[in-house]
Amino acid sequence: MKFLRRMLRIPWTAKKTNERVLNEGNKRRSLVRTIRKRQATFLGHVMRRGKLEHLVTTGKFEGKRSGGRQREKIMDGLATWLGPGKVSDILAAVKDRDLWRDMIANAYKQGT
């Protein structure tokens, strides 16, 4: 952000939000999109294998939950990123590799 502000010659005293600076520079935040894309490709890999990692990512293992605020599950985060649909729909789509790749590509292009 600092680099973009410097290129656009926006002084540090100007009260402009980071979102406004991104709009002026015609840029998007890409780090979150890249992380979500990598999570989705890793999830597809793990779910097709169907071993211990499958149980951990779906959250279907037994035991007590820790106290405090519950952590966000990988599946829930990807469900919101990939668009409307249930987690069960995503798990079914993972089995078809071409469909899964198309879903990831579409979500990445939309920039959500």
PDB file of N, CA and C in Angstrom:
ATOM      1  N   MET A   1       0.826  -1.177   0.000  1.00  0.00           N
ATOM      2  CA  MET A   1       0.000   0.000   0.000  1.00  0.00           C
ATOM      3  C   MET A   1       0.878   1.252   0.000  1.00  0.00           C
ATOM      4  N   LYS A   2       1.956   1.164   0.739  1.00  0.00           N
ATOM      5  CA  LYS A   2       2.864   2.302   0.824  1.00  0.00           C
ATOM      6  C   LYS A   2       3.437   2.630  -0.555  1.00  0.00           C
ATOM      7  N   PHE A   3       3.756   1.587  -1.312  1.00  0.00           N
ATOM      8  CA  PHE A   3       4.304   1.774  -2.639  1.00  0.00           C
ATOM      9  C   PHE A   3       3.280   2.434  -3.567  1.00  0.00           C
ATOM     10  N   LEU A   4       2.033   2.017  -3.482  1.00  0.00           N
ATOM     11  CA  LEU A   4       0.990   2.577  -4.338  1.00  0.00           C
ATOM     12  C   LEU A   4       0.714   4.030  -3.976  1.00  0.00           C
ATOM     13  N   ARG A   5       0.718   4.334  -2.701  1.00  0.00           N
ATOM     14  CA  ARG A   5       0.547   5.733  -2.278  1.00  0.00           C
ATOM     15  C   ARG A   5       1.674   6.610  -2.809  1.00  0.00           C
ATOM     16  N   ARG A   6       2.872   6.056  -2.808  1.00  0.00           N
ATOM     17  CA  ARG A   6       4.027   6.812  -3.307  1.00  0.00           C
ATOM     18  C   ARG A   6       3.905   7.056  -4.807  1.00  0.00           C
ATOM     19  N   MET A   7       3.470   6.053  -5.551  1.00  0.00           N
ATOM     20  CA  MET A   7       3.318   6.195  -7.004  1.00  0.00           C
ATOM     21  C   MET A   7       2.229   7.202  -7.362  1.00  0.00           C
ATOM     22  N   LEU A   8       1.169   7.209  -6.584  1.00  0.00           N
ATOM     23  CA  LEU A   8       0.061   8.132  -6.860  1.00  0.00           C
ATOM     24  C   LEU A   8       0.284   9.506  -6.238  1.00  0.00           C
ATOM     25  N   ARG A   9       1.390   9.650  -5.523  1.00  0.00           N
ATOM     26  CA  ARG A   9       1.762  10.906  -4.865  1.00  0.00           C
ATOM     27  C   ARG A   9       0.686  11.368  -3.881  1.00  0.00           C
ATOM     28  N   ILE A  10       0.270  10.445  -3.055  1.00  0.00           N
ATOM     29  CA  ILE A  10      -0.692  10.756  -2.003  1.00  0.00           C
ATOM     30  C   ILE A  10       0.097  10.956  -0.718  1.00  0.00           C
ATOM     31  N   PRO A  11       0.054  12.140  -0.133  1.00  0.00           N
ATOM     32  CA  PRO A  11       0.837  12.378   1.082  1.00  0.00           C
ATOM     33  C   PRO A  11       0.264  11.585   2.264  1.00  0.00           C
ATOM     34  N   TRP A  12       1.101  11.349   3.234  1.00  0.00           N
ATOM     35  CA  TRP A  12       0.664  10.577   4.394  1.00  0.00           C
ATOM     36  C   TRP A  12      -0.337  11.358   5.226  1.00  0.00           C
ATOM     37  N   THR A  13      -0.381  12.679   5.053  1.00  0.00           N
ATOM     38  CA  THR A  13      -1.334  13.496   5.810  1.00  0.00           C
ATOM     39  C   THR A  13      -2.738  13.451   5.212  1.00  0.00           C
ATOM     40  N   ALA A  14      -2.852  13.000   3.958  1.00  0.00           N
ATOM     41  CA  ALA A  14      -4.175  12.903   3.334  1.00  0.00           C
ATOM     42  C   ALA A  14      -4.950  11.762   3.987  1.00  0.00           C
ATOM     43  N   LYS A  15      -6.165  12.052   4.383  1.00  0.00           N
ATOM     44  CA  LYS A  15      -6.972  11.048   5.072  1.00  0.00           C
ATOM     45  C   LYS A  15      -7.752  10.238   4.031  1.00  0.00           C
ATOM     46  N   LYS A  16      -7.050   9.276   3.422  1.00  0.00           N
ATOM     47  CA  LYS A  16      -7.674   8.406   2.435  1.00  0.00           C
ATOM     48  C   LYS A  16      -7.534   6.962   2.909  1.00  0.00           C
ATOM     49  N   THR A  17      -8.597   6.233   2.777  1.00  0.00           N
ATOM     50  CA  THR A  17      -8.567   4.837   3.197  1.00  0.00           C
ATOM     51  C   THR A  17      -7.788   4.018   2.174  1.00  0.00           C
ATOM     52  N   ASN A  18      -7.393   2.843   2.598  1.00  0.00           N
ATOM     53  CA  ASN A  18      -6.665   1.956   1.691  1.00  0.00           C
ATOM     54  C   ASN A  18      -7.538   1.535   0.517  1.00  0.00           C
ATOM     55  N   GLU A  19      -8.824   1.366   0.762  1.00  0.00           N
ATOM     56  CA  GLU A  19      -9.740   0.986  -0.316  1.00  0.00           C
ATOM     57  C   GLU A  19      -9.813   2.089  -1.373  1.00  0.00           C
ATOM     58  N   ARG A  20      -9.840   3.304  -0.933  1.00  0.00           N
ATOM     59  CA  ARG A  20      -9.901   4.429  -1.873  1.00  0.00           C
ATOM     60  C   ARG A  20      -8.613   4.532  -2.690  1.00  0.00           C
ATOM     61  N   VAL A  21      -7.491   4.299  -2.049  1.00  0.00           N
ATOM     62  CA  VAL A  21      -6.214   4.320  -2.753  1.00  0.00           C
ATOM     63  C   VAL A  21      -6.172   3.203  -3.792  1.00  0.00           C
ATOM     64  N   LEU A  22      -6.670   2.018  -3.438  1.00  0.00           N
ATOM     65  CA  LEU A  22      -6.720   0.917  -4.395  1.00  0.00           C
ATOM     66  C   LEU A  22      -7.611   1.248  -5.582  1.00  0.00           C
ATOM     67  N   ASN A  23      -8.739   1.903  -5.325  1.00  0.00           N
ATOM     68  CA  ASN A  23      -9.627   2.296  -6.422  1.00  0.00           C
ATOM     69  C   ASN A  23      -8.971   3.316  -7.338  1.00  0.00           C
ATOM     70  N   GLU A  24      -8.245   4.264  -6.771  1.00  0.00           N
ATOM     71  CA  GLU A  24      -7.566   5.271  -7.589  1.00  0.00           C
ATOM     72  C   GLU A  24      -6.466   4.644  -8.438  1.00  0.00           C
ATOM     73  N   GLY A  25      -5.822   3.630  -7.916  1.00  0.00           N
ATOM     74  CA  GLY A  25      -4.758   2.959  -8.645  1.00  0.00           C
ATOM     75  C   GLY A  25      -5.242   1.819  -9.523  1.00  0.00           C
ATOM     76  N   ASN A  26      -6.561   1.594  -9.560  1.00  0.00           N
ATOM     77  CA  ASN A  26      -7.162   0.501 -10.329  1.00  0.00           C
ATOM     78  C   ASN A  26      -6.530  -0.843  -9.976  1.00  0.00           C
ATOM     79  N   LYS A  27      -6.364  -1.093  -8.701  1.00  0.00           N
ATOM     80  CA  LYS A  27      -5.766  -2.329  -8.220  1.00  0.00           C
ATOM     81  C   LYS A  27      -6.765  -3.062  -7.337  1.00  0.00           C
ATOM     82  N   ARG A  28      -6.503  -4.349  -7.111  1.00  0.00           N
ATOM     83  CA  ARG A  28      -7.290  -5.173  -6.202  1.00  0.00           C
ATOM     84  C   ARG A  28      -6.365  -5.795  -5.183  1.00  0.00           C
ATOM     85  N   ARG A  29      -6.931  -6.183  -4.085  1.00  0.00           N
ATOM     86  CA  ARG A  29      -6.166  -6.942  -3.106  1.00  0.00           C
ATOM     87  C   ARG A  29      -6.038  -8.361  -3.637  1.00  0.00           C
ATOM     88  N   SER A  30      -4.827  -8.818  -3.763  1.00  0.00           N
ATOM     89  CA  SER A  30      -4.643 -10.125  -4.379  1.00  0.00           C
ATOM     90  C   SER A  30      -4.157 -11.187  -3.401  1.00  0.00           C
ATOM     91  N   LEU A  31      -3.673 -10.803  -2.247  1.00  0.00           N
ATOM     92  CA  LEU A  31      -3.126 -11.784  -1.324  1.00  0.00           C
ATOM     93  C   LEU A  31      -4.200 -12.738  -0.806  1.00  0.00           C
ATOM     94  N   VAL A  32      -5.346 -12.205  -0.426  1.00  0.00           N
ATOM     95  CA  VAL A  32      -6.420 -13.053   0.100  1.00  0.00           C
ATOM     96  C   VAL A  32      -6.935 -13.987  -0.992  1.00  0.00           C
ATOM     97  N   ARG A  33      -7.044 -13.472  -2.208  1.00  0.00           N
ATOM     98  CA  ARG A  33      -7.509 -14.311  -3.313  1.00  0.00           C
ATOM     99  C   ARG A  33      -6.530 -15.451  -3.581  1.00  0.00           C
ATOM    100  N   THR A  34      -5.247 -15.155  -3.524  1.00  0.00           N
ATOM    101  CA  THR A  34      -4.231 -16.182  -3.761  1.00  0.00           C
ATOM    102  C   THR A  34      -4.268 -17.242  -2.668  1.00  0.00           C
ATOM    103  N   ILE A  35      -4.428 -16.807  -1.430  1.00  0.00           N
ATOM    104  CA  ILE A  35      -4.498 -17.754  -0.320  1.00  0.00           C
ATOM    105  C   ILE A  35      -5.709 -18.661  -0.469  1.00  0.00           C
ATOM    106  N   ARG A  36      -6.859 -18.091  -0.789  1.00  0.00           N
ATOM    107  CA  ARG A  36      -8.075 -18.901  -0.954  1.00  0.00           C
ATOM    108  C   ARG A  36      -7.935 -19.891  -2.110  1.00  0.00           C
ATOM    109  N   LYS A  37      -7.292 -19.456  -3.195  1.00  0.00           N
ATOM    110  CA  LYS A  37      -7.110 -20.355  -4.333  1.00  0.00           C
ATOM    111  C   LYS A  37      -6.226 -21.530  -3.940  1.00  0.00           C
ATOM    112  N   ARG A  38      -5.160 -21.262  -3.220  1.00  0.00           N
ATOM    113  CA  ARG A  38      -4.270 -22.343  -2.800  1.00  0.00           C
ATOM    114  C   ARG A  38      -4.947 -23.269  -1.796  1.00  0.00           C
ATOM    115  N   GLN A  39      -5.769 -22.698  -0.922  1.00  0.00           N
ATOM    116  CA  GLN A  39      -6.515 -23.535   0.011  1.00  0.00           C
ATOM    117  C   GLN A  39      -7.466 -24.459  -0.743  1.00  0.00           C
ATOM    118  N   ALA A  40      -8.116 -23.922  -1.772  1.00  0.00           N
ATOM    119  CA  ALA A  40      -9.082 -24.714  -2.529  1.00  0.00           C
ATOM    120  C   ALA A  40      -8.389 -25.838  -3.300  1.00  0.00           C
ATOM    121  N   THR A  41      -7.240 -25.562  -3.900  1.00  0.00           N
ATOM    122  CA  THR A  41      -6.543 -26.613  -4.625  1.00  0.00           C
ATOM    123  C   THR A  41      -6.027 -27.685  -3.662  1.00  0.00           C
ATOM    124  N   PHE A  42      -5.542 -27.260  -2.497  1.00  0.00           N
ATOM    125  CA  PHE A  42      -5.088 -28.223  -1.502  1.00  0.00           C
ATOM    126  C   PHE A  42      -6.255 -29.055  -0.990  1.00  0.00           C
ATOM    127  N   LEU A  43      -7.400 -28.423  -0.786  1.00  0.00           N
ATOM    128  CA  LEU A  43      -8.567 -29.149  -0.318  1.00  0.00           C
ATOM    129  C   LEU A  43      -8.991 -30.207  -1.328  1.00  0.00           C
ATOM    130  N   GLY A  44      -8.968 -29.866  -2.606  1.00  0.00           N
ATOM    131  CA  GLY A  44      -9.314 -30.844  -3.627  1.00  0.00           C
ATOM    132  C   GLY A  44      -8.374 -32.031  -3.608  1.00  0.00           C
ATOM    133  N   HIS A  45      -7.093 -31.746  -3.434  1.00  0.00           N
ATOM    134  CA  HIS A  45      -6.093 -32.820  -3.356  1.00  0.00           C
ATOM    135  C   HIS A  45      -6.359 -33.739  -2.159  1.00  0.00           C
ATOM    136  N   VAL A  46      -6.602 -33.139  -1.010  1.00  0.00           N
ATOM    137  CA  VAL A  46      -6.801 -33.912   0.219  1.00  0.00           C
ATOM    138  C   VAL A  46      -8.094 -34.715   0.151  1.00  0.00           C
ATOM    139  N   MET A  47      -9.153 -34.121  -0.343  1.00  0.00           N
ATOM    140  CA  MET A  47     -10.442 -34.796  -0.354  1.00  0.00           C
ATOM    141  C   MET A  47     -10.455 -35.977  -1.319  1.00  0.00           C
ATOM    142  N   ARG A  48      -9.712 -35.885  -2.412  1.00  0.00           N
ATOM    143  CA  ARG A  48      -9.657 -37.012  -3.336  1.00  0.00           C
ATOM    144  C   ARG A  48      -8.845 -38.170  -2.759  1.00  0.00           C
ATOM    145  N   ARG A  49      -7.897 -37.875  -1.882  1.00  0.00           N
ATOM    146  CA  ARG A  49      -7.123 -38.957  -1.239  1.00  0.00           C
ATOM    147  C   ARG A  49      -7.972 -39.704  -0.235  1.00  0.00           C
ATOM    148  N   GLY A  50      -8.719 -38.972   0.602  1.00  0.00           N
ATOM    149  CA  GLY A  50      -9.651 -39.596   1.531  1.00  0.00           C
ATOM    150  C   GLY A  50      -9.014 -40.267   2.733  1.00  0.00           C
ATOM    151  N   LYS A  51      -7.971 -39.709   3.272  1.00  0.00           N
ATOM    152  CA  LYS A  51      -7.327 -40.320   4.439  1.00  0.00           C
ATOM    153  C   LYS A  51      -7.573 -39.446   5.669  1.00  0.00           C
ATOM    154  N   LEU A  52      -6.618 -39.404   6.565  1.00  0.00           N
ATOM    155  CA  LEU A  52      -6.770 -38.679   7.820  1.00  0.00           C
ATOM    156  C   LEU A  52      -7.011 -37.185   7.601  1.00  0.00           C
ATOM    157  N   GLU A  53      -6.343 -36.614   6.614  1.00  0.00           N
ATOM    158  CA  GLU A  53      -6.528 -35.184   6.337  1.00  0.00           C
ATOM    159  C   GLU A  53      -7.969 -34.874   5.954  1.00  0.00           C
ATOM    160  N   HIS A  54      -8.605 -35.821   5.297  1.00  0.00           N
ATOM    161  CA  HIS A  54     -10.015 -35.672   4.918  1.00  0.00           C
ATOM    162  C   HIS A  54     -10.866 -35.489   6.163  1.00  0.00           C
ATOM    163  N   LEU A  55     -10.622 -36.288   7.169  1.00  0.00           N
ATOM    164  CA  LEU A  55     -11.393 -36.191   8.409  1.00  0.00           C
ATOM    165  C   LEU A  55     -11.142 -34.862   9.113  1.00  0.00           C
ATOM    166  N   VAL A  56      -9.907 -34.400   9.092  1.00  0.00           N
ATOM    167  CA  VAL A  56      -9.568 -33.161   9.789  1.00  0.00           C
ATOM    168  C   VAL A  56     -10.198 -31.958   9.101  1.00  0.00           C
ATOM    169  N   THR A  57     -10.139 -31.899   7.773  1.00  0.00           N
ATOM    170  CA  THR A  57     -10.679 -30.736   7.077  1.00  0.00           C
ATOM    171  C   THR A  57     -12.196 -30.677   7.122  1.00  0.00           C
ATOM    172  N   THR A  58     -12.855 -31.816   7.144  1.00  0.00           N
ATOM    173  CA  THR A  58     -14.315 -31.789   7.237  1.00  0.00           C
ATOM    174  C   THR A  58     -14.785 -31.618   8.667  1.00  0.00           C
ATOM    175  N   GLY A  59     -13.906 -31.801   9.637  1.00  0.00           N
ATOM    176  CA  GLY A  59     -14.253 -31.615  11.039  1.00  0.00           C
ATOM    177  C   GLY A  59     -15.035 -32.771  11.622  1.00  0.00           C
ATOM    178  N   LYS A  60     -14.835 -33.959  11.098  1.00  0.00           N
ATOM    179  CA  LYS A  60     -15.602 -35.118  11.543  1.00  0.00           C
ATOM    180  C   LYS A  60     -14.770 -36.048  12.398  1.00  0.00           C
ATOM    181  N   PHE A  61     -14.073 -35.531  13.368  1.00  0.00           N
ATOM    182  CA  PHE A  61     -13.342 -36.385  14.279  1.00  0.00           C
ATOM    183  C   PHE A  61     -13.865 -36.151  15.682  1.00  0.00           C
ATOM    184  N   GLU A  62     -13.755 -37.159  16.521  1.00  0.00           N
ATOM    185  CA  GLU A  62     -14.366 -37.097  17.838  1.00  0.00           C
ATOM    186  C   GLU A  62     -13.429 -36.466  18.850  1.00  0.00           C
ATOM    187  N   GLY A  63     -14.026 -35.957  19.905  1.00  0.00           N
ATOM    188  CA  GLY A  63     -13.254 -35.349  20.975  1.00  0.00           C
ATOM    189  C   GLY A  63     -13.934 -34.087  21.454  1.00  0.00           C
ATOM    190  N   LYS A  64     -13.379 -33.476  22.485  1.00  0.00           N
ATOM    191  CA  LYS A  64     -13.960 -32.255  23.029  1.00  0.00           C
ATOM    192  C   LYS A  64     -13.453 -31.041  22.263  1.00  0.00           C
ATOM    193  N   ARG A  65     -14.301 -30.077  22.123  1.00  0.00           N
ATOM    194  CA  ARG A  65     -13.895 -28.819  21.522  1.00  0.00           C
ATOM    195  C   ARG A  65     -13.270 -27.943  22.588  1.00  0.00           C
ATOM    196  N   SER A  66     -12.355 -27.110  22.157  1.00  0.00           N
ATOM    197  CA  SER A  66     -11.717 -26.211  23.110  1.00  0.00           C
ATOM    198  C   SER A  66     -12.666 -25.069  23.456  1.00  0.00           C
ATOM    199  N   GLY A  67     -12.396 -24.422  24.571  1.00  0.00           N
ATOM    200  CA  GLY A  67     -13.252 -23.324  25.004  1.00  0.00           C
ATOM    201  C   GLY A  67     -12.999 -22.061  24.201  1.00  0.00           C
ATOM    202  N   GLY A  68     -13.859 -21.105  24.394  1.00  0.00           N
ATOM    203  CA  GLY A  68     -13.709 -19.829  23.702  1.00  0.00           C
ATOM    204  C   GLY A  68     -14.363 -19.841  22.338  1.00  0.00           C
ATOM    205  N   ARG A  69     -14.012 -18.839  21.547  1.00  0.00           N
ATOM    206  CA  ARG A  69     -14.589 -18.718  20.218  1.00  0.00           C
ATOM    207  C   ARG A  69     -14.040 -19.822  19.317  1.00  0.00           C
ATOM    208  N   GLN A  70     -14.936 -20.459  18.581  1.00  0.00           N
ATOM    209  CA  GLN A  70     -14.526 -21.544  17.715  1.00  0.00           C
ATOM    210  C   GLN A  70     -13.793 -20.993  16.493  1.00  0.00           C
ATOM    211  N   ARG A  71     -12.812 -21.728  16.043  1.00  0.00           N
ATOM    212  CA  ARG A  71     -12.052 -21.324  14.870  1.00  0.00           C
ATOM    213  C   ARG A  71     -12.881 -21.533  13.612  1.00  0.00           C
ATOM    214  N   GLU A  72     -12.568 -20.731  12.607  1.00  0.00           N
ATOM    215  CA  GLU A  72     -13.271 -20.891  11.343  1.00  0.00           C
ATOM    216  C   GLU A  72     -12.723 -22.124  10.630  1.00  0.00           C
ATOM    217  N   LYS A  73     -13.618 -22.964  10.167  1.00  0.00           N
ATOM    218  CA  LYS A  73     -13.206 -24.178   9.477  1.00  0.00           C
ATOM    219  C   LYS A  73     -12.825 -23.832   8.043  1.00  0.00           C
ATOM    220  N   ILE A  74     -11.930 -24.614   7.493  1.00  0.00           N
ATOM    221  CA  ILE A  74     -11.499 -24.400   6.113  1.00  0.00           C
ATOM    222  C   ILE A  74     -12.684 -24.524   5.170  1.00  0.00           C
ATOM    223  N   MET A  75     -13.535 -25.490   5.424  1.00  0.00           N
ATOM    224  CA  MET A  75     -14.680 -25.719   4.544  1.00  0.00           C
ATOM    225  C   MET A  75     -15.648 -24.537   4.547  1.00  0.00           C
ATOM    226  N   ASP A  76     -15.874 -23.939   5.708  1.00  0.00           N
ATOM    227  CA  ASP A  76     -16.795 -22.809   5.784  1.00  0.00           C
ATOM    228  C   ASP A  76     -16.241 -21.597   5.037  1.00  0.00           C
ATOM    229  N   GLY A  77     -14.948 -21.353   5.179  1.00  0.00           N
ATOM    230  CA  GLY A  77     -14.323 -20.239   4.477  1.00  0.00           C
ATOM    231  C   GLY A  77     -14.370 -20.413   2.971  1.00  0.00           C
ATOM    232  N   LEU A  78     -14.116 -21.622   2.513  1.00  0.00           N
ATOM    233  CA  LEU A  78     -14.163 -21.877   1.076  1.00  0.00           C
ATOM    234  C   LEU A  78     -15.590 -21.866   0.541  1.00  0.00           C
ATOM    235  N   ALA A  79     -16.544 -22.256   1.371  1.00  0.00           N
ATOM    236  CA  ALA A  79     -17.948 -22.238   0.928  1.00  0.00           C
ATOM    237  C   ALA A  79     -18.396 -20.802   0.656  1.00  0.00           C
ATOM    238  N   THR A  80     -17.981 -19.872   1.496  1.00  0.00           N
ATOM    239  CA  THR A  80     -18.350 -18.476   1.246  1.00  0.00           C
ATOM    240  C   THR A  80     -17.586 -17.911   0.063  1.00  0.00           C
ATOM    241  N   TRP A  81     -16.348 -18.344  -0.141  1.00  0.00           N
ATOM    242  CA  TRP A  81     -15.542 -17.828  -1.243  1.00  0.00           C
ATOM    243  C   TRP A  81     -16.009 -18.353  -2.591  1.00  0.00           C
ATOM    244  N   LEU A  82     -16.409 -19.622  -2.632  1.00  0.00           N
ATOM    245  CA  LEU A  82     -16.808 -20.236  -3.893  1.00  0.00           C
ATOM    246  C   LEU A  82     -18.209 -19.839  -4.328  1.00  0.00           C
ATOM    247  N   GLY A  83     -18.958 -19.196  -3.457  1.00  0.00           N
ATOM    248  CA  GLY A  83     -20.280 -18.741  -3.843  1.00  0.00           C
ATOM    249  C   GLY A  83     -21.369 -19.502  -3.123  1.00  0.00           C
ATOM    250  N   PRO A  84     -22.611 -19.247  -3.542  1.00  0.00           N
ATOM    251  CA  PRO A  84     -23.724 -19.893  -2.847  1.00  0.00           C
ATOM    252  C   PRO A  84     -23.684 -21.406  -3.032  1.00  0.00           C
ATOM    253  N   GLY A  85     -23.885 -22.071  -1.949  1.00  0.00           N
ATOM    254  CA  GLY A  85     -23.870 -23.535  -1.982  1.00  0.00           C
ATOM    255  C   GLY A  85     -23.556 -24.066  -0.608  1.00  0.00           C
ATOM    256  N   LYS A  86     -23.888 -25.310  -0.422  1.00  0.00           N
ATOM    257  CA  LYS A  86     -23.652 -25.944   0.865  1.00  0.00           C
ATOM    258  C   LYS A  86     -22.297 -26.639   0.848  1.00  0.00           C
ATOM    259  N   VAL A  87     -21.840 -26.976   2.019  1.00  0.00           N
ATOM    260  CA  VAL A  87     -20.579 -27.704   2.146  1.00  0.00           C
ATOM    261  C   VAL A  87     -20.698 -29.069   1.488  1.00  0.00           C
ATOM    262  N   SER A  88     -21.875 -29.678   1.581  1.00  0.00           N
ATOM    263  CA  SER A  88     -22.067 -30.996   0.962  1.00  0.00           C
ATOM    264  C   SER A  88     -21.961 -30.906  -0.561  1.00  0.00           C
ATOM    265  N   ASP A  89     -22.428 -29.787  -1.153  1.00  0.00           N
ATOM    266  CA  ASP A  89     -22.284 -29.597  -2.601  1.00  0.00           C
ATOM    267  C   ASP A  89     -20.821 -29.473  -2.988  1.00  0.00           C
ATOM    268  N   ILE A  90     -20.048 -28.789  -2.142  1.00  0.00           N
ATOM    269  CA  ILE A  90     -18.624 -28.622  -2.418  1.00  0.00           C
ATOM    270  C   ILE A  90     -17.912 -29.961  -2.335  1.00  0.00           C
ATOM    271  N   LEU A  91     -18.260 -30.756  -1.330  1.00  0.00           N
ATOM    272  CA  LEU A  91     -17.637 -32.076  -1.184  1.00  0.00           C
ATOM    273  C   LEU A  91     -17.949 -32.973  -2.375  1.00  0.00           C
ATOM    274  N   ALA A  92     -19.137 -32.832  -2.941  1.00  0.00           N
ATOM    275  CA  ALA A  92     -19.488 -33.619  -4.126  1.00  0.00           C
ATOM    276  C   ALA A  92     -18.733 -33.118  -5.353  1.00  0.00           C
ATOM    277  N   ALA A  93     -18.526 -31.816  -5.446  1.00  0.00           N
ATOM    278  CA  ALA A  93     -17.830 -31.245  -6.603  1.00  0.00           C
ATOM    279  C   ALA A  93     -16.348 -31.575  -6.596  1.00  0.00           C
ATOM    280  N   VAL A  94     -15.779 -31.789  -5.429  1.00  0.00           N
ATOM    281  CA  VAL A  94     -14.353 -32.097  -5.323  1.00  0.00           C
ATOM    282  C   VAL A  94     -14.017 -33.399  -6.040  1.00  0.00           C
ATOM    283  N   LYS A  95     -14.937 -34.335  -6.048  1.00  0.00           N
ATOM    284  CA  LYS A  95     -14.682 -35.642  -6.662  1.00  0.00           C
ATOM    285  C   LYS A  95     -14.438 -35.533  -8.170  1.00  0.00           C
ATOM    286  N   ASP A  96     -15.112 -34.567  -8.820  1.00  0.00           N
ATOM    287  CA  ASP A  96     -14.913 -34.332 -10.249  1.00  0.00           C
ATOM    288  C   ASP A  96     -13.848 -33.249 -10.413  1.00  0.00           C
ATOM    289  N   ARG A  97     -12.679 -33.641 -10.829  1.00  0.00           N
ATOM    290  CA  ARG A  97     -11.537 -32.725 -10.866  1.00  0.00           C
ATOM    291  C   ARG A  97     -11.755 -31.549 -11.811  1.00  0.00           C
ATOM    292  N   ASP A  98     -12.337 -31.787 -12.997  1.00  0.00           N
ATOM    293  CA  ASP A  98     -12.551 -30.703 -13.958  1.00  0.00           C
ATOM    294  C   ASP A  98     -13.563 -29.689 -13.431  1.00  0.00           C
ATOM    295  N   LEU A  99     -14.633 -30.169 -12.832  1.00  0.00           N
ATOM    296  CA  LEU A  99     -15.630 -29.279 -12.246  1.00  0.00           C
ATOM    297  C   LEU A  99     -15.008 -28.452 -11.125  1.00  0.00           C
ATOM    298  N   TRP A 100     -14.187 -29.082 -10.296  1.00  0.00           N
ATOM    299  CA  TRP A 100     -13.542 -28.388  -9.183  1.00  0.00           C
ATOM    300  C   TRP A 100     -12.611 -27.292  -9.691  1.00  0.00           C
ATOM    301  N   ARG A 101     -11.838 -27.580 -10.709  1.00  0.00           N
ATOM    302  CA  ARG A 101     -10.929 -26.571 -11.281  1.00  0.00           C
ATOM    303  C   ARG A 101     -11.705 -25.396 -11.860  1.00  0.00           C
ATOM    304  N   ASP A 102     -12.820 -25.690 -12.516  1.00  0.00           N
ATOM    305  CA  ASP A 102     -13.648 -24.615 -13.062  1.00  0.00           C
ATOM    306  C   ASP A 102     -14.230 -23.740 -11.963  1.00  0.00           C
ATOM    307  N   MET A 103     -14.669 -24.366 -10.875  1.00  0.00           N
ATOM    308  CA  MET A 103     -15.222 -23.599  -9.751  1.00  0.00           C
ATOM    309  C   MET A 103     -14.168 -22.674  -9.152  1.00  0.00           C
ATOM    310  N   ILE A 104     -12.950 -23.167  -8.991  1.00  0.00           N
ATOM    311  CA  ILE A 104     -11.874 -22.354  -8.431  1.00  0.00           C
ATOM    312  C   ILE A 104     -11.526 -21.213  -9.373  1.00  0.00           C
ATOM    313  N   ALA A 105     -11.439 -21.508 -10.668  1.00  0.00           N
ATOM    314  CA  ALA A 105     -11.092 -20.474 -11.645  1.00  0.00           C
ATOM    315  C   ALA A 105     -12.154 -19.379 -11.686  1.00  0.00           C
ATOM    316  N   ASN A 106     -13.426 -19.759 -11.634  1.00  0.00           N
ATOM    317  CA  ASN A 106     -14.499 -18.761 -11.659  1.00  0.00           C
ATOM    318  C   ASN A 106     -14.482 -17.884 -10.412  1.00  0.00           C
ATOM    319  N   ALA A 107     -14.263 -18.494  -9.249  1.00  0.00           N
ATOM    320  CA  ALA A 107     -14.225 -17.713  -8.019  1.00  0.00           C
ATOM    321  C   ALA A 107     -13.022 -16.782  -8.009  1.00  0.00           C
ATOM    322  N   TYR A 108     -11.895 -17.223  -8.565  1.00  0.00           N
ATOM    323  CA  TYR A 108     -10.694 -16.385  -8.594  1.00  0.00           C
ATOM    324  C   TYR A 108     -10.880 -15.208  -9.543  1.00  0.00           C
ATOM    325  N   LYS A 109     -11.553 -15.437 -10.683  1.00  0.00           N
ATOM    326  CA  LYS A 109     -11.794 -14.358 -11.637  1.00  0.00           C
ATOM    327  C   LYS A 109     -12.742 -13.304 -11.066  1.00  0.00           C
ATOM    328  N   GLN A 110     -13.731 -13.759 -10.292  1.00  0.00           N
ATOM    329  CA  GLN A 110     -14.680 -12.809  -9.711  1.00  0.00           C
ATOM    330  C   GLN A 110     -14.037 -11.946  -8.660  1.00  0.00           C
ATOM    331  N   GLY A 111     -12.974 -12.432  -8.066  1.00  0.00           N
ATOM    332  CA  GLY A 111     -12.235 -11.627  -7.104  1.00  0.00           C
ATOM    333  C   GLY A 111     -12.888 -11.514  -5.737  1.00  0.00           C
ATOM    334  N   THR A 112     -13.685 -12.484  -5.378  1.00  0.00           N
ATOM    335  CA  THR A 112     -14.337 -12.416  -4.082  1.00  0.00           C
ATOM    336  C   THR A 112     -13.441 -12.891  -2.990  1.00  0.00           C
TER     337      THR A 112
END
